[in-house]
Amino acid sequence: MNVSAFLAGALLAGTTMLAGCDRSSPAPTTKPLDAAASADVEANCAAKGWASQNGGTTGGGTATPTVVTTYAQLKTALTTASVKVVQVNGVITVPSGGRISLQDQTGKTLFGTAGARLVSADQTQAGSGILYVKRCSNLVIRNLIFEGAGAYDVDGQDNCTLDACTNVWVDHCEFRDGVDGNLDVKNTSNYITVSWTKFGYLKAPRPDGPGGSDDHRFSNLIGSGDDATGDRGKLNITFARCWWAPGCVARMPRVRFGKVHVVNSLFNSSSSSSGVQAGFEANLLVQNNVFEGVNRPIDLMANNSTAVQVTGNIFTSTSGNTAGNGKTAFAPPYTLSVLSASSVKAAVTAATGAGATISGNTCASSGI
């Protein structure tokens, strides 16, 4: 029996899932979808974590994928509201200043087939970045590598930014070498799950940036500032079975305001100066993770967080603080299959573990 086909059929018949966004312009011209190009259409599963709330996150569902292999095709597909599922094949280079803005859409899925990668080689303030998502809802991003030009403190762009978005599921992706950050979330964004995703830096940081940092390998910023008080009650995010890999220095993640659940994830960057950073009014539940060789795994910063609860974690060869602030964090309004910390590393580093490690738009390995 063809196991992949069986799983695909079972998933298609069983549940409801995948992601989306909305905006109108003419539909792009694409090649006909042959059997090889169409890859997966079966990802019809339910988001878990915070993305399961507020009506859930289903993306573009089982709509026929629009296949893109060039930057022009990708930009057209992403900015066309009627295109509900976008499939990336191969490596697409984003030109200098070509960061794609995906705005005001609902119900869209962006995914890659095996080896799909979006690449930017620009380190300038205006020319860097790959994808900026604003005022979108019900979006799924799956099985894509986002590769930036390398960290440089020039107040540049992230590999991907979520701005004022709701119900987003980022699953089985890899974000590496962002100029400013890898994946940042800000400005009242809410109900977001990041699962089975890898963050790292393979390129040496560029020193002497005008922002003052010689090493800006700061991966994930949640909330743009202490004065962004509109974020109160928002920025509710689940990071589950993620991997902050070698090269990450800080912001794994750094959180303001939100109720953020960091669970069953692996941290093993010996370059780190801080791991999970608890910022202004952050409400953090750090549960059943593994920290190896990390400096200051739990950074309480200015001690002005709402709550930082650290429970069930394994700390090996770490230095610096490993404790919370003595206050009990929020109780998640959802249910996950939480692993014991002793099982986390094997799960996250497995062949279909964290990163763009699956065949395409399939959720057979996306349970959390």
Protein backbone atom coordinates (compact mmCIF):
# COMPACT_ATOMS: atom_id res chain seq x y z
CA MET A 1 0.00 0.00 0.00
CA ASN A 2 1.19 3.54 -0.71
CA VAL A 3 1.54 4.86 2.87
CA SER A 4 1.77 8.53 1.81
CA ALA A 5 -1.41 8.25 -0.21
CA PHE A 6 -3.16 6.51 2.64
CA LEU A 7 -2.15 9.20 5.14
CA ALA A 8 -3.12 11.93 2.71
CA GLY A 9 -6.54 10.42 2.18
CA ALA A 10 -7.10 9.88 5.89
CA LEU A 11 -6.13 13.44 6.70
CA LEU A 12 -8.29 14.86 3.93
CA ALA A 13 -11.32 12.91 5.10
CA GLY A 14 -10.72 13.50 8.79
CA THR A 15 -10.35 17.14 9.83
CA THR A 16 -10.24 20.74 8.60
CA MET A 17 -7.12 22.89 8.21
CA LEU A 18 -4.67 25.20 6.39
CA ALA A 19 -4.00 28.90 6.03
CA GLY A 20 -4.91 32.15 4.28
CA CYS A 21 -4.93 35.92 3.49
CA ASP A 22 -7.05 38.26 1.16
CA ARG A 23 -6.46 40.94 -1.49
CA SER A 24 -7.69 41.51 -5.04
CA SER A 25 -5.88 41.70 -8.36
CA PRO A 26 -5.91 39.50 -11.47
CA ALA A 27 -5.01 35.85 -10.97
CA PRO A 28 -1.42 35.04 -11.97
CA THR A 29 -0.58 33.01 -15.00
CA THR A 30 0.90 29.68 -13.96
CA LYS A 31 1.87 26.41 -15.52
CA PRO A 32 -0.73 23.64 -15.49
CA LEU A 33 -0.40 21.51 -12.39
CA ASP A 34 0.90 18.09 -13.29
CA ALA A 35 1.15 15.24 -10.80
CA ALA A 36 4.71 16.12 -9.80
CA ALA A 37 4.07 19.83 -9.42
CA SER A 38 0.88 19.54 -7.41
CA ALA A 39 2.72 17.71 -4.60
CA ASP A 40 0.48 17.86 -1.52
CA VAL A 41 -3.08 19.09 -1.42
CA GLU A 42 -4.02 16.97 1.55
CA ALA A 43 -3.06 19.14 4.50
CA ASN A 44 -6.49 19.40 6.00
CA CYS A 45 -5.67 19.26 9.70
CA ALA A 46 -6.39 21.46 12.69
CA ALA A 47 -3.95 23.93 14.15
CA LYS A 48 -3.12 23.44 17.81
CA GLY A 49 -2.00 25.92 20.45
CA TRP A 50 -3.05 29.54 20.34
CA ALA A 51 -3.86 29.30 16.60
CA SER A 52 -6.71 26.90 17.50
CA GLN A 53 -8.54 29.71 19.30
CA ASN A 54 -10.68 32.51 17.88
CA GLY A 55 -12.33 30.18 15.37
CA GLY A 56 -9.18 28.25 14.46
CA THR A 57 -6.68 28.44 11.62
CA THR A 58 -7.34 26.63 8.37
CA GLY A 59 -5.56 28.67 5.70
CA GLY A 60 -6.35 27.98 2.07
CA GLY A 61 -7.52 24.46 2.84
CA THR A 62 -7.53 22.05 -0.08
CA ALA A 63 -7.67 24.63 -2.86
CA THR A 64 -5.58 23.68 -5.89
CA PRO A 65 -2.05 25.08 -5.44
CA THR A 66 -0.70 27.80 -7.68
CA VAL A 67 2.88 26.66 -8.38
CA VAL A 68 5.61 29.30 -8.40
CA THR A 69 9.26 28.95 -9.38
CA THR A 70 10.28 32.60 -9.89
CA TYR A 71 10.17 35.77 -7.82
CA ALA A 72 7.65 37.40 -10.15
CA GLN A 73 5.30 34.43 -9.91
CA LEU A 74 5.65 34.33 -6.12
CA LYS A 75 4.90 38.03 -5.71
CA THR A 76 1.85 37.84 -7.97
CA ALA A 77 0.47 34.76 -6.24
CA LEU A 78 0.94 36.17 -2.75
CA THR A 79 -0.63 39.53 -3.56
CA THR A 80 -3.65 38.03 -5.37
CA ALA A 81 -6.53 37.37 -2.98
CA SER A 82 -8.15 34.74 -5.17
CA VAL A 83 -5.04 32.55 -4.96
CA LYS A 84 -5.58 30.57 -1.79
CA VAL A 85 -2.69 28.08 -1.83
CA VAL A 86 0.79 28.98 -3.08
CA GLN A 87 3.34 26.22 -3.66
CA VAL A 88 7.03 27.12 -3.93
CA ASN A 89 9.26 24.79 -5.95
CA GLY A 90 13.03 25.17 -5.80
CA VAL A 91 15.03 28.24 -4.73
CA ILE A 92 13.63 31.73 -5.31
CA THR A 93 15.88 34.76 -4.81
CA VAL A 94 14.26 37.94 -3.58
CA PRO A 95 15.97 40.90 -5.27
CA SER A 96 17.33 43.89 -3.37
CA GLY A 97 14.37 45.90 -2.11
CA GLY A 98 11.99 43.17 -3.26
CA ARG A 99 10.57 42.17 0.11
CA ILE A 100 7.02 41.01 -0.59
CA SER A 101 4.18 42.68 1.27
CA LEU A 102 1.21 40.41 1.90
CA GLN A 103 -1.62 42.59 3.19
CA ASP A 104 -5.31 42.51 4.08
CA GLN A 105 -6.02 38.92 3.09
CA THR A 106 -7.85 36.05 4.74
CA GLY A 107 -7.46 32.33 4.22
CA LYS A 108 -4.17 31.60 2.48
CA THR A 109 -1.51 28.90 2.58
CA LEU A 110 2.11 29.35 1.54
CA PHE A 111 4.15 26.15 1.44
CA GLY A 112 7.24 24.67 -0.13
CA THR A 113 7.97 21.28 -1.62
CA ALA A 114 11.12 19.49 -0.46
CA GLY A 115 14.12 21.83 -0.63
CA ALA A 116 12.11 25.00 -1.30
CA ARG A 117 13.91 28.13 -0.18
CA LEU A 118 13.33 31.90 -0.27
CA VAL A 119 16.64 33.78 -0.23
CA SER A 120 17.67 37.42 0.24
CA ALA A 121 21.30 38.52 -0.11
CA ASP A 122 20.79 42.21 0.80
CA GLN A 123 22.01 43.58 4.15
CA THR A 124 20.89 47.19 3.74
CA GLN A 125 18.18 48.84 5.78
CA ALA A 126 15.80 49.35 2.87
CA GLY A 127 16.76 46.40 0.68
CA SER A 128 16.70 43.49 3.14
CA GLY A 129 13.90 41.14 4.16
CA ILE A 130 11.81 38.48 2.45
CA LEU A 131 8.16 38.66 3.57
CA TYR A 132 6.10 41.25 5.45
CA VAL A 133 2.62 40.09 6.45
CA LYS A 134 0.21 42.80 7.62
CA ARG A 135 -3.44 42.69 8.70
CA CYS A 136 -3.87 39.11 7.51
CA SER A 137 -5.86 36.37 9.18
CA ASN A 138 -6.12 32.61 8.87
CA LEU A 139 -2.70 32.08 7.34
CA VAL A 140 -0.58 28.93 7.17
CA ILE A 141 3.12 28.97 6.26
CA ARG A 142 4.66 25.50 5.97
CA ASN A 143 7.84 23.69 4.92
CA LEU A 144 9.83 26.69 3.70
CA ILE A 145 13.36 27.86 4.37
CA PHE A 146 13.69 31.64 4.77
CA GLU A 147 17.38 32.53 4.31
CA GLY A 148 18.63 36.05 4.93
CA ALA A 149 21.93 37.72 4.17
CA GLY A 150 23.30 37.46 7.72
CA ALA A 151 22.85 39.51 10.88
CA TYR A 152 23.85 43.17 10.66
CA ASP A 153 22.65 45.91 13.03
CA VAL A 154 21.49 48.40 10.41
CA ASP A 155 17.82 48.59 11.52
CA GLY A 156 17.06 46.38 8.56
CA GLN A 157 14.27 43.91 7.94
CA ASP A 158 13.41 40.49 9.32
CA ASN A 159 13.22 37.39 7.18
CA CYS A 160 9.50 37.47 8.00
CA THR A 161 7.40 39.88 10.06
CA LEU A 162 3.83 39.37 11.27
CA ASP A 163 2.21 42.77 11.82
CA ALA A 164 -1.39 43.06 13.12
CA CYS A 165 -2.17 39.50 12.02
CA THR A 166 -4.51 36.99 13.64
CA ASN A 167 -4.69 33.20 13.49
CA VAL A 168 -1.39 32.30 11.89
CA TRP A 169 0.17 28.82 11.89
CA VAL A 170 3.86 28.57 11.01
CA ASP A 171 4.74 24.89 10.76
CA HIS A 172 7.90 23.00 9.77
CA CYS A 173 9.80 26.04 8.56
CA GLU A 174 13.39 27.19 8.97
CA PHE A 175 14.33 30.83 9.47
CA ARG A 176 18.03 31.54 9.32
CA ASP A 177 20.46 34.45 8.97
CA GLY A 178 17.93 37.26 9.21
CA VAL A 179 19.47 40.73 8.93
CA ASP A 180 17.41 42.16 11.81
CA GLY A 181 15.49 39.13 13.07
CA ASN A 182 14.42 35.74 11.83
CA LEU A 183 10.68 35.86 12.59
CA ASP A 184 9.24 38.80 14.52
CA VAL A 185 5.65 39.35 15.66
CA LYS A 186 4.24 42.74 16.59
CA ASN A 187 1.45 45.32 16.61
CA THR A 188 -1.56 43.49 18.11
CA SER A 189 -0.90 40.21 16.30
CA ASN A 190 -2.69 37.39 18.10
CA TYR A 191 -3.57 33.67 18.11
CA ILE A 192 -0.36 32.40 16.58
CA THR A 193 1.26 28.96 16.70
CA VAL A 194 4.83 28.27 15.60
CA SER A 195 5.44 24.54 15.54
CA TRP A 196 8.30 22.30 14.44
CA THR A 197 10.30 25.32 13.29
CA LYS A 198 14.05 25.87 13.38
CA PHE A 199 15.83 29.15 13.99
CA GLY A 200 19.55 29.56 13.45
CA TYR A 201 22.49 31.42 11.96
CA LEU A 202 24.99 29.83 9.59
CA LYS A 203 26.67 33.06 8.47
CA ALA A 204 29.04 35.09 10.63
CA PRO A 205 27.49 38.33 11.91
CA ARG A 206 28.65 41.56 10.30
CA PRO A 207 30.11 43.94 12.92
CA ASP A 208 30.15 47.74 13.14
CA GLY A 209 26.50 48.27 12.26
CA PRO A 210 25.12 51.78 12.86
CA GLY A 211 22.75 50.33 15.48
CA GLY A 212 25.72 49.62 17.76
CA SER A 213 25.72 45.81 18.00
CA ASP A 214 28.60 43.83 16.57
CA ASP A 215 26.57 40.63 16.78
CA HIS A 216 22.88 41.04 16.02
CA ARG A 217 21.92 37.37 15.80
CA PHE A 218 18.70 38.12 17.68
CA SER A 219 16.14 35.61 16.45
CA ASN A 220 12.57 36.40 17.53
CA LEU A 221 11.12 39.62 18.90
CA ILE A 222 7.55 39.55 20.21
CA GLY A 223 6.25 43.11 20.64
CA SER A 224 8.05 46.15 19.31
CA GLY A 225 8.35 48.29 22.44
CA ASP A 226 7.29 48.85 26.04
CA ASP A 227 5.20 51.80 24.85
CA ALA A 228 3.14 49.66 22.44
CA THR A 229 0.34 49.34 24.98
CA GLY A 230 -2.14 48.33 22.29
CA ASP A 231 -0.46 44.93 22.54
CA ARG A 232 -1.99 44.32 25.98
CA GLY A 233 -4.24 41.29 25.72
CA LYS A 234 -2.68 40.38 22.35
CA LEU A 235 0.52 38.65 21.20
CA ASN A 236 -0.71 35.27 22.43
CA ILE A 237 1.66 32.76 20.85
CA THR A 238 2.59 29.09 21.17
CA PHE A 239 6.12 27.93 20.28
CA ALA A 240 5.99 24.13 20.29
CA ARG A 241 8.69 21.61 19.29
CA CYS A 242 10.89 24.37 17.91
CA TRP A 243 14.68 24.49 17.79
CA TRP A 244 16.81 27.51 18.55
CA ALA A 245 19.94 26.11 16.96
CA PRO A 246 23.63 27.08 16.95
CA GLY A 247 24.33 30.70 16.05
CA CYS A 248 21.39 32.22 17.93
CA VAL A 249 22.63 34.85 20.39
CA ALA A 250 19.42 36.17 21.99
CA ARG A 251 15.64 36.64 21.63
CA MET A 252 14.63 32.98 21.72
CA PRO A 253 12.12 34.66 21.93
CA ARG A 254 12.09 38.08 23.65
CA VAL A 255 8.53 38.77 24.76
CA ARG A 256 6.53 41.85 25.71
CA PHE A 257 2.87 41.83 26.82
CA GLY A 258 1.82 38.46 25.34
CA LYS A 259 0.81 35.18 26.90
CA VAL A 260 3.50 33.04 25.31
CA HIS A 261 3.83 29.28 25.75
CA VAL A 262 7.30 27.88 24.97
CA VAL A 263 6.94 24.11 25.16
CA ASN A 264 8.85 20.98 24.12
CA SER A 265 11.57 22.97 22.36
CA LEU A 266 15.35 22.63 22.10
CA PHE A 267 17.89 25.38 22.77
CA ASN A 268 21.51 24.49 22.05
CA SER A 269 23.37 27.57 20.87
CA SER A 270 26.70 27.98 22.65
CA SER A 271 26.89 31.48 21.13
CA SER A 272 23.98 32.62 23.27
CA SER A 273 24.00 35.53 25.67
CA SER A 274 20.31 34.98 26.56
CA GLY A 275 17.67 32.39 25.77
CA VAL A 276 14.03 33.11 26.60
CA GLN A 277 13.82 36.81 27.47
CA ALA A 278 10.98 38.04 29.65
CA GLY A 279 10.25 41.68 28.85
CA PHE A 280 7.66 44.23 29.90
CA GLU A 281 4.37 42.66 31.06
CA ALA A 282 5.26 39.32 29.49
CA ASN A 283 3.30 36.31 30.71
CA LEU A 284 5.50 33.30 29.96
CA LEU A 285 5.00 29.58 30.46
CA VAL A 286 8.31 27.80 29.73
CA GLN A 287 7.45 24.11 29.89
CA ASN A 288 9.32 20.83 29.33
CA ASN A 289 12.12 22.20 27.15
CA VAL A 290 15.79 21.25 26.82
CA PHE A 291 18.58 23.83 27.25
CA GLU A 292 22.10 22.66 26.39
CA GLY A 293 25.19 24.86 26.66
CA VAL A 294 23.07 28.03 26.79
CA ASN A 295 24.08 31.12 28.71
CA ARG A 296 21.30 32.64 30.83
CA PRO A 297 18.55 30.27 29.61
CA ILE A 298 15.87 32.37 31.34
CA ASP A 299 16.59 36.09 31.18
CA LEU A 300 14.33 38.07 33.52
CA MET A 301 15.71 41.33 32.12
CA ALA A 302 14.31 44.29 34.11
CA ASN A 303 12.05 42.10 36.27
CA ASN A 304 8.94 43.83 35.00
CA SER A 305 7.15 40.79 33.56
CA THR A 306 3.66 39.78 34.64
CA ALA A 307 4.66 36.15 35.20
CA VAL A 308 7.49 33.81 34.24
CA GLN A 309 6.79 30.19 35.14
CA VAL A 310 9.53 27.66 34.39
CA THR A 311 8.53 24.03 34.80
CA GLY A 312 9.73 20.57 33.79
CA ASN A 313 12.78 21.70 31.81
CA ILE A 314 16.21 20.07 31.48
CA PHE A 315 19.27 22.32 31.83
CA THR A 316 22.60 20.77 30.78
CA SER A 317 25.95 22.65 30.88
CA THR A 318 24.16 25.99 31.11
CA SER A 319 25.24 29.12 32.97
CA GLY A 320 23.18 31.92 34.45
CA ASN A 321 19.58 32.03 35.54
CA THR A 322 17.25 29.07 35.08
CA ALA A 323 14.40 30.19 37.35
CA GLY A 324 11.19 32.11 36.78
CA ASN A 325 10.02 35.14 38.73
CA GLY A 326 7.97 33.21 41.26
CA LYS A 327 4.62 34.04 39.69
CA THR A 328 2.26 31.55 38.06
CA ALA A 329 1.76 32.03 34.32
CA PHE A 330 -1.51 31.85 32.43
CA ALA A 331 -3.33 28.55 32.01
CA PRO A 332 -3.44 27.72 28.26
CA PRO A 333 -7.04 27.54 26.96
CA TYR A 334 -6.08 24.65 24.68
CA THR A 335 -4.77 21.11 25.05
CA LEU A 336 -1.46 19.82 23.68
CA SER A 337 0.21 16.41 23.79
CA VAL A 338 3.11 17.60 25.93
CA LEU A 339 6.21 15.41 25.85
CA SER A 340 8.41 14.85 28.86
CA ALA A 341 11.57 16.91 28.55
CA SER A 342 13.63 13.73 28.21
CA SER A 343 11.91 13.00 24.86
CA VAL A 344 12.20 16.49 23.38
CA LYS A 345 15.66 16.45 21.80
CA ALA A 346 15.07 13.23 19.88
CA ALA A 347 11.72 14.48 18.59
CA VAL A 348 12.93 17.91 17.54
CA THR A 349 16.10 16.67 15.81
CA ALA A 350 14.44 13.70 14.04
CA ALA A 351 14.34 13.40 10.26
CA THR A 352 10.89 14.99 10.15
CA GLY A 353 11.53 17.17 13.20
CA ALA A 354 11.99 20.93 13.42
CA GLY A 355 12.74 22.69 10.16
CA ALA A 356 11.58 22.37 6.55
CA THR A 357 11.89 18.60 6.85
CA ILE A 358 8.69 17.31 5.23
CA SER A 359 7.59 16.79 1.63
CA GLY A 360 5.28 19.75 1.25
CA ASN A 361 1.79 20.67 2.38
CA THR A 362 1.30 17.70 4.64
CA CYS A 363 0.53 17.71 8.33
CA ALA A 364 1.18 14.04 9.11
CA SER A 365 4.22 15.11 11.19
CA SER A 366 2.73 18.31 12.60
CA GLY A 367 1.10 17.09 15.80
CA ILE A 368 1.95 18.91 19.03
